[in-house]
N, C-alpha and C. Protein backbone atom coordinates (compact mmCIF):
# COMPACT_ATOMS: atom_id res chain seq x y z
N MET A 1 138.86 17.88 153.62
CA MET A 1 138.39 19.24 153.41
C MET A 1 139.36 20.20 154.11
N GLU A 2 139.48 21.36 153.46
CA GLU A 2 140.37 22.39 154.00
C GLU A 2 139.84 23.77 153.68
N TRP A 3 140.22 24.74 154.45
CA TRP A 3 139.82 26.12 154.28
C TRP A 3 140.90 26.83 153.46
N ILE A 4 140.51 27.52 152.40
CA ILE A 4 141.50 28.31 151.61
C ILE A 4 140.94 29.76 151.63
N GLU A 5 141.94 30.69 151.63
CA GLU A 5 141.50 32.10 151.63
C GLU A 5 141.02 32.47 150.19
N ILE A 6 139.97 33.19 150.08
CA ILE A 6 139.41 33.63 148.82
C ILE A 6 139.17 35.12 148.86
N ASP A 7 138.94 35.69 147.66
CA ASP A 7 138.60 37.10 147.54
C ASP A 7 137.17 37.30 148.02
N LYS A 8 136.93 38.41 148.62
CA LYS A 8 135.52 38.64 149.18
C LYS A 8 134.46 38.84 148.10
N ASP A 9 134.92 39.08 146.86
CA ASP A 9 134.02 39.22 145.71
C ASP A 9 133.88 38.01 144.88
N GLU A 10 134.37 36.88 145.30
CA GLU A 10 134.30 35.67 144.46
C GLU A 10 132.81 35.16 144.60
N PRO A 11 132.25 34.92 143.46
CA PRO A 11 130.80 34.38 143.49
C PRO A 11 130.74 33.01 144.21
N LEU A 12 129.69 32.90 144.96
CA LEU A 12 129.47 31.61 145.72
C LEU A 12 128.23 30.95 145.14
N LYS A 13 128.21 29.60 145.32
CA LYS A 13 127.07 28.82 144.85
C LYS A 13 126.41 28.07 146.03
N PRO A 14 125.17 27.61 145.85
CA PRO A 14 124.55 26.90 146.95
C PRO A 14 125.39 25.67 147.38
N GLY A 15 125.44 25.57 148.70
CA GLY A 15 126.30 24.47 149.32
C GLY A 15 127.64 24.92 149.75
N ASP A 16 128.13 26.06 149.27
CA ASP A 16 129.43 26.63 149.69
C ASP A 16 129.39 26.94 151.15
N ARG A 17 130.49 26.63 151.87
CA ARG A 17 130.66 27.03 153.22
C ARG A 17 131.82 28.01 153.24
N VAL A 18 131.58 29.12 153.91
CA VAL A 18 132.56 30.20 154.02
C VAL A 18 132.75 30.60 155.41
N LYS A 19 133.96 31.04 155.79
CA LYS A 19 134.26 31.68 157.07
C LYS A 19 134.59 33.11 156.84
N LEU A 20 133.94 34.00 157.60
CA LEU A 20 134.24 35.45 157.44
C LEU A 20 134.86 35.90 158.81
N HIS A 21 136.07 36.34 158.74
CA HIS A 21 136.81 36.80 159.87
C HIS A 21 136.66 38.31 160.04
N PHE A 22 136.05 38.70 161.14
CA PHE A 22 135.79 40.14 161.37
C PHE A 22 136.69 40.64 162.51
N LYS A 23 137.14 41.88 162.41
CA LYS A 23 137.72 42.55 163.55
C LYS A 23 136.56 43.38 164.21
N ALA A 24 136.34 43.18 165.44
CA ALA A 24 135.20 43.87 166.13
C ALA A 24 135.72 45.05 166.87
N LEU A 25 135.34 46.25 166.47
CA LEU A 25 135.83 47.45 167.10
C LEU A 25 134.62 48.07 167.81
N GLY A 26 134.93 48.67 168.88
CA GLY A 26 133.85 49.40 169.58
C GLY A 26 133.47 48.77 170.91
N LEU A 27 132.21 48.54 171.19
CA LEU A 27 131.70 48.07 172.46
C LEU A 27 131.93 46.62 172.68
N LEU A 28 133.15 46.17 172.90
CA LEU A 28 133.41 44.76 173.05
C LEU A 28 132.85 44.13 174.33
N TYR A 29 132.58 44.95 175.40
CA TYR A 29 131.98 44.41 176.60
C TYR A 29 130.55 43.91 176.36
N ALA A 30 129.96 44.42 175.30
CA ALA A 30 128.60 43.97 175.00
C ALA A 30 128.62 42.86 173.84
N LYS A 31 129.77 42.24 173.69
CA LYS A 31 129.91 41.25 172.60
C LYS A 31 128.90 40.14 172.66
N ALA A 32 128.65 39.56 173.84
CA ALA A 32 127.70 38.43 173.91
C ALA A 32 126.30 38.83 173.51
N ALA A 33 125.82 39.95 174.06
CA ALA A 33 124.51 40.42 173.68
C ALA A 33 124.38 40.74 172.17
N GLN A 34 125.44 41.33 171.66
CA GLN A 34 125.43 41.69 170.24
C GLN A 34 125.37 40.44 169.39
N ILE A 35 126.15 39.42 169.78
CA ILE A 35 126.19 38.19 168.97
C ILE A 35 124.77 37.54 168.98
N ALA A 36 124.10 37.61 170.11
CA ALA A 36 122.72 37.11 170.22
C ALA A 36 121.77 37.83 169.20
N VAL A 37 121.91 39.16 169.10
CA VAL A 37 121.13 39.87 168.20
C VAL A 37 121.48 39.55 166.75
N ILE A 38 122.80 39.41 166.48
CA ILE A 38 123.17 39.05 165.09
C ILE A 38 122.61 37.64 164.77
N GLU A 39 122.66 36.66 165.66
CA GLU A 39 122.18 35.27 165.41
C GLU A 39 120.64 35.41 165.16
N ALA A 40 119.91 36.14 165.91
CA ALA A 40 118.46 36.21 165.72
C ALA A 40 118.17 36.86 164.34
N LEU A 41 118.84 37.91 163.98
CA LEU A 41 118.56 38.62 162.71
C LEU A 41 118.94 37.70 161.51
N LEU A 42 120.09 37.00 161.59
CA LEU A 42 120.55 36.18 160.49
C LEU A 42 119.83 34.86 160.33
N GLY A 43 119.13 34.45 161.43
CA GLY A 43 118.43 33.21 161.43
C GLY A 43 117.19 33.24 160.44
N LYS A 44 116.83 34.42 159.98
CA LYS A 44 115.67 34.62 159.11
C LYS A 44 116.09 34.76 157.67
N ARG A 45 117.31 34.59 157.40
CA ARG A 45 117.86 34.78 156.00
C ARG A 45 117.40 33.64 155.09
N ALA A 46 117.09 33.89 153.82
CA ALA A 46 116.76 32.84 152.92
C ALA A 46 117.94 32.47 152.00
N ASP A 47 118.96 33.38 151.95
CA ASP A 47 120.04 33.13 151.05
C ASP A 47 121.25 32.37 151.68
N PHE A 48 121.31 32.37 153.02
CA PHE A 48 122.41 31.65 153.64
C PHE A 48 122.03 31.30 155.11
N ASP A 49 122.68 30.29 155.58
CA ASP A 49 122.43 29.76 156.97
C ASP A 49 123.71 30.12 157.80
N LEU A 50 123.45 30.57 158.98
CA LEU A 50 124.61 30.82 159.88
C LEU A 50 124.79 29.51 160.62
N ILE A 51 126.03 28.97 160.43
CA ILE A 51 126.41 27.63 160.98
C ILE A 51 127.01 27.83 162.34
N SER A 52 127.97 28.78 162.51
CA SER A 52 128.60 28.97 163.83
C SER A 52 129.17 30.34 163.92
N ILE A 53 129.39 30.71 165.21
CA ILE A 53 130.12 32.00 165.46
C ILE A 53 131.24 31.64 166.45
N GLU A 54 132.42 31.93 166.11
CA GLU A 54 133.55 31.59 166.94
C GLU A 54 134.05 32.97 167.55
N VAL A 55 134.41 32.90 168.82
CA VAL A 55 134.98 34.04 169.51
C VAL A 55 136.27 33.63 170.16
N PRO A 56 137.42 33.76 169.42
CA PRO A 56 138.69 33.34 169.99
C PRO A 56 138.96 34.15 171.26
N PRO A 57 139.34 33.58 172.34
CA PRO A 57 139.53 34.23 173.62
C PRO A 57 140.59 35.32 173.51
N GLU A 58 140.28 36.42 174.27
CA GLU A 58 141.20 37.51 174.37
C GLU A 58 141.61 38.12 173.07
N THR A 59 140.68 38.19 172.11
CA THR A 59 140.89 38.87 170.81
C THR A 59 139.73 39.77 170.52
N ASN A 60 139.87 40.55 169.57
CA ASN A 60 138.80 41.38 169.05
C ASN A 60 138.29 40.75 167.73
N VAL A 61 138.33 39.46 167.59
CA VAL A 61 137.99 38.81 166.34
C VAL A 61 136.67 38.00 166.52
N LEU A 62 135.78 38.07 165.57
CA LEU A 62 134.62 37.22 165.45
C LEU A 62 134.70 36.46 164.16
N ILE A 63 134.47 35.14 164.17
CA ILE A 63 134.48 34.36 162.95
C ILE A 63 133.11 33.73 162.74
N PHE A 64 132.53 34.13 161.61
CA PHE A 64 131.17 33.60 161.27
C PHE A 64 131.32 32.58 160.20
N THR A 65 130.77 31.34 160.42
CA THR A 65 130.71 30.32 159.34
C THR A 65 129.30 30.21 158.81
N VAL A 66 129.18 30.35 157.54
CA VAL A 66 127.90 30.27 156.90
C VAL A 66 127.84 29.33 155.73
N GLU A 67 126.64 28.87 155.40
CA GLU A 67 126.46 27.97 154.27
C GLU A 67 125.54 28.67 153.32
N VAL A 68 125.86 28.81 152.03
CA VAL A 68 125.03 29.43 151.06
C VAL A 68 123.88 28.53 150.70
N ARG A 69 122.67 29.09 150.73
CA ARG A 69 121.44 28.28 150.38
C ARG A 69 121.08 28.56 148.88
N LYS A 70 120.92 29.74 148.53
CA LYS A 70 120.52 30.01 147.14
C LYS A 70 121.18 31.43 146.73
N THR A 71 121.34 31.59 145.42
CA THR A 71 122.02 32.74 144.96
C THR A 71 121.16 33.60 144.06
N ASN A 72 120.03 33.12 143.60
CA ASN A 72 119.15 33.87 142.68
C ASN A 72 118.19 34.83 143.46
N PRO A 73 117.99 35.97 142.97
CA PRO A 73 118.38 36.55 141.68
C PRO A 73 119.71 37.28 141.75
N VAL A 74 120.24 37.44 142.88
CA VAL A 74 121.52 38.17 143.08
C VAL A 74 122.67 37.26 143.33
N ILE A 75 123.82 37.54 142.76
CA ILE A 75 124.99 36.70 143.02
C ILE A 75 125.49 36.96 144.43
N ILE A 76 125.59 35.90 145.21
CA ILE A 76 126.03 35.98 146.56
C ILE A 76 127.56 35.91 146.59
N THR A 77 128.16 36.84 147.35
CA THR A 77 129.59 36.83 147.59
C THR A 77 129.82 36.94 149.07
N CYS A 78 131.09 36.79 149.52
CA CYS A 78 131.40 37.03 150.95
C CYS A 78 131.15 38.50 151.29
N ALA A 79 131.38 39.41 150.36
CA ALA A 79 131.13 40.87 150.63
C ALA A 79 129.68 41.11 150.93
N VAL A 80 128.79 40.43 150.18
CA VAL A 80 127.37 40.58 150.43
C VAL A 80 127.00 40.06 151.79
N ILE A 81 127.52 38.87 152.09
CA ILE A 81 127.19 38.23 153.40
C ILE A 81 127.85 39.09 154.56
N ALA A 82 129.05 39.61 154.34
CA ALA A 82 129.72 40.37 155.33
C ALA A 82 128.98 41.70 155.61
N GLY A 83 128.40 42.32 154.52
CA GLY A 83 127.62 43.53 154.67
C GLY A 83 126.34 43.24 155.49
N THR A 84 125.74 42.06 155.29
CA THR A 84 124.53 41.71 156.05
C THR A 84 124.85 41.58 157.54
N ILE A 85 126.00 40.83 157.77
CA ILE A 85 126.44 40.63 159.17
C ILE A 85 126.77 41.96 159.85
N ALA A 86 127.48 42.83 159.14
CA ALA A 86 127.87 44.12 159.69
C ALA A 86 126.64 45.00 160.00
N LEU A 87 125.65 44.91 159.14
CA LEU A 87 124.35 45.65 159.39
C LEU A 87 123.69 45.19 160.61
N ALA A 88 123.74 43.85 160.84
CA ALA A 88 123.06 43.25 162.01
C ALA A 88 123.81 43.62 163.24
N GLY A 89 125.11 43.81 163.16
CA GLY A 89 125.95 44.13 164.28
C GLY A 89 126.00 45.61 164.57
N THR A 90 124.92 46.16 164.97
CA THR A 90 124.79 47.63 165.11
C THR A 90 125.59 48.22 166.34
N ALA A 91 125.82 47.44 167.39
CA ALA A 91 126.53 47.98 168.52
C ALA A 91 128.00 47.83 168.38
N MET A 92 128.51 47.01 167.45
CA MET A 92 129.90 46.82 167.16
C MET A 92 130.22 47.26 165.76
N TRP A 93 131.39 47.77 165.59
CA TRP A 93 131.84 48.10 164.20
C TRP A 93 132.53 46.83 163.81
N LEU A 94 132.04 46.14 162.73
CA LEU A 94 132.66 44.88 162.27
C LEU A 94 133.38 45.18 160.96
N VAL A 95 134.68 44.89 160.93
CA VAL A 95 135.48 45.10 159.73
C VAL A 95 135.93 43.78 159.17
N LEU A 96 135.56 43.48 157.97
CA LEU A 96 135.88 42.19 157.32
C LEU A 96 137.42 42.10 157.18
N ASP A 97 138.00 41.10 157.76
CA ASP A 97 139.44 40.97 157.75
C ASP A 97 139.93 39.90 156.70
N LYS A 98 139.24 38.82 156.67
CA LYS A 98 139.71 37.66 155.82
C LYS A 98 138.45 36.79 155.53
N THR A 99 138.44 36.16 154.34
CA THR A 99 137.38 35.27 153.98
C THR A 99 138.04 34.00 153.53
N GLU A 100 137.33 32.84 153.93
CA GLU A 100 137.83 31.53 153.60
C GLU A 100 136.70 30.69 153.09
N LYS A 101 136.98 29.71 152.23
CA LYS A 101 135.99 28.81 151.66
C LYS A 101 136.44 27.40 151.93
N MET A 102 135.57 26.54 152.21
CA MET A 102 135.87 25.07 152.41
C MET A 102 135.91 24.46 151.01
N VAL A 103 137.04 23.80 150.82
CA VAL A 103 137.19 23.03 149.52
C VAL A 103 137.74 21.65 149.80
N GLU A 104 137.52 20.76 148.80
CA GLU A 104 138.05 19.46 148.89
C GLU A 104 139.54 19.47 148.82
N SER A 105 140.25 18.94 149.74
CA SER A 105 141.76 18.95 149.67
C SER A 105 142.22 17.86 148.74
N PRO A 106 143.41 18.12 148.12
CA PRO A 106 143.97 17.13 147.18
C PRO A 106 144.11 15.76 147.87
N ALA A 107 144.44 15.66 149.13
CA ALA A 107 144.59 14.39 149.79
C ALA A 107 143.21 13.75 149.96
N GLY A 108 142.21 14.54 150.19
CA GLY A 108 140.77 13.99 150.24
C GLY A 108 140.35 13.43 148.93
N GLN A 109 140.72 14.16 147.84
CA GLN A 109 140.33 13.70 146.51
C GLN A 109 141.06 12.40 146.25
N ALA A 110 142.35 12.28 146.66
CA ALA A 110 143.08 11.00 146.33
C ALA A 110 142.49 9.88 147.08
N ILE A 111 142.11 10.11 148.34
CA ILE A 111 141.48 9.09 149.19
C ILE A 111 140.14 8.62 148.55
N GLY A 112 139.33 9.56 148.01
CA GLY A 112 138.09 9.29 147.35
C GLY A 112 138.32 8.44 146.13
N ILE A 113 139.32 8.83 145.34
CA ILE A 113 139.60 8.01 144.10
C ILE A 113 140.09 6.59 144.50
N GLY A 114 140.92 6.56 145.48
CA GLY A 114 141.46 5.24 145.95
C GLY A 114 140.28 4.39 146.43
N ALA A 115 139.36 4.93 147.10
CA ALA A 115 138.21 4.18 147.62
C ALA A 115 137.36 3.60 146.46
N ILE A 116 137.18 4.40 145.44
CA ILE A 116 136.46 4.02 144.29
C ILE A 116 137.12 2.84 143.54
N VAL A 117 138.44 2.97 143.38
CA VAL A 117 139.26 1.94 142.77
C VAL A 117 139.16 0.62 143.54
N ILE A 118 139.26 0.72 144.85
CA ILE A 118 139.18 -0.47 145.70
C ILE A 118 137.80 -1.09 145.57
N GLY A 119 136.79 -0.28 145.58
CA GLY A 119 135.40 -0.77 145.44
C GLY A 119 135.26 -1.54 144.09
N ILE A 120 135.82 -1.00 143.05
CA ILE A 120 135.69 -1.64 141.67
C ILE A 120 136.45 -3.04 141.77
N ILE A 121 137.62 -3.04 142.34
CA ILE A 121 138.38 -4.25 142.44
C ILE A 121 137.65 -5.32 143.21
N VAL A 122 137.09 -4.94 144.33
CA VAL A 122 136.27 -5.81 145.18
C VAL A 122 135.10 -6.38 144.42
N ALA A 123 134.36 -5.44 143.71
CA ALA A 123 133.16 -5.84 142.93
C ALA A 123 133.57 -6.79 141.81
N LEU A 124 134.67 -6.49 141.11
CA LEU A 124 135.13 -7.43 140.12
C LEU A 124 135.49 -8.77 140.65
N GLY A 125 136.14 -8.76 141.88
CA GLY A 125 136.52 -9.98 142.50
C GLY A 125 135.28 -10.84 142.87
N ILE A 126 134.29 -10.17 143.40
CA ILE A 126 133.07 -10.89 143.77
C ILE A 126 132.32 -11.47 142.57
N PHE A 127 132.01 -10.56 141.66
CA PHE A 127 131.21 -10.94 140.48
C PHE A 127 132.03 -11.66 139.44
N GLY A 128 133.29 -11.28 139.29
CA GLY A 128 134.14 -11.98 138.32
C GLY A 128 134.41 -13.37 138.71
N GLY A 129 134.62 -13.60 140.05
CA GLY A 129 134.95 -14.91 140.58
C GLY A 129 133.75 -15.88 140.39
N LYS A 130 132.49 -15.41 140.54
CA LYS A 130 131.31 -16.26 140.27
C LYS A 130 131.23 -16.64 138.83
N ARG A 131 131.64 -15.80 137.97
CA ARG A 131 131.51 -16.09 136.53
C ARG A 131 132.51 -17.17 136.20
N LEU A 132 133.70 -17.14 136.76
CA LEU A 132 134.72 -18.17 136.44
C LEU A 132 134.36 -19.53 137.02
N ARG A 133 133.55 -19.67 138.02
CA ARG A 133 133.14 -20.96 138.60
C ARG A 133 132.17 -21.61 137.81
N LYS A 134 131.50 -20.97 136.89
CA LYS A 134 130.43 -21.70 136.09
C LYS A 134 131.00 -22.52 135.16
């Protein structure tokens, strides 16, 4: 799995995990209290789950990782989620800087295909071998 940068308006589907990188401007000394408020408000959402909040040291960056639960009746995008987070962050001015989505990496796909092939070979060896002994 790897994170790739996506457009904030790309439609998301249930199960998608995205990272939203915000620049936090304003009352940074109140960052911890504000994060607690954001967590409490977003914990009640039906359309996405807040997975984690990263606060890289000595930066004005906050990184929210969320998983989309459902998209109906409205199409969910990173822009919609970012707007919800920014609204919850009333003491800080949060500006969306970058959005990323977790996708299957080509290497991971190759490993998965290789594992399937090995499984088929083993199964044929076990069941095919019994058939030859009869």
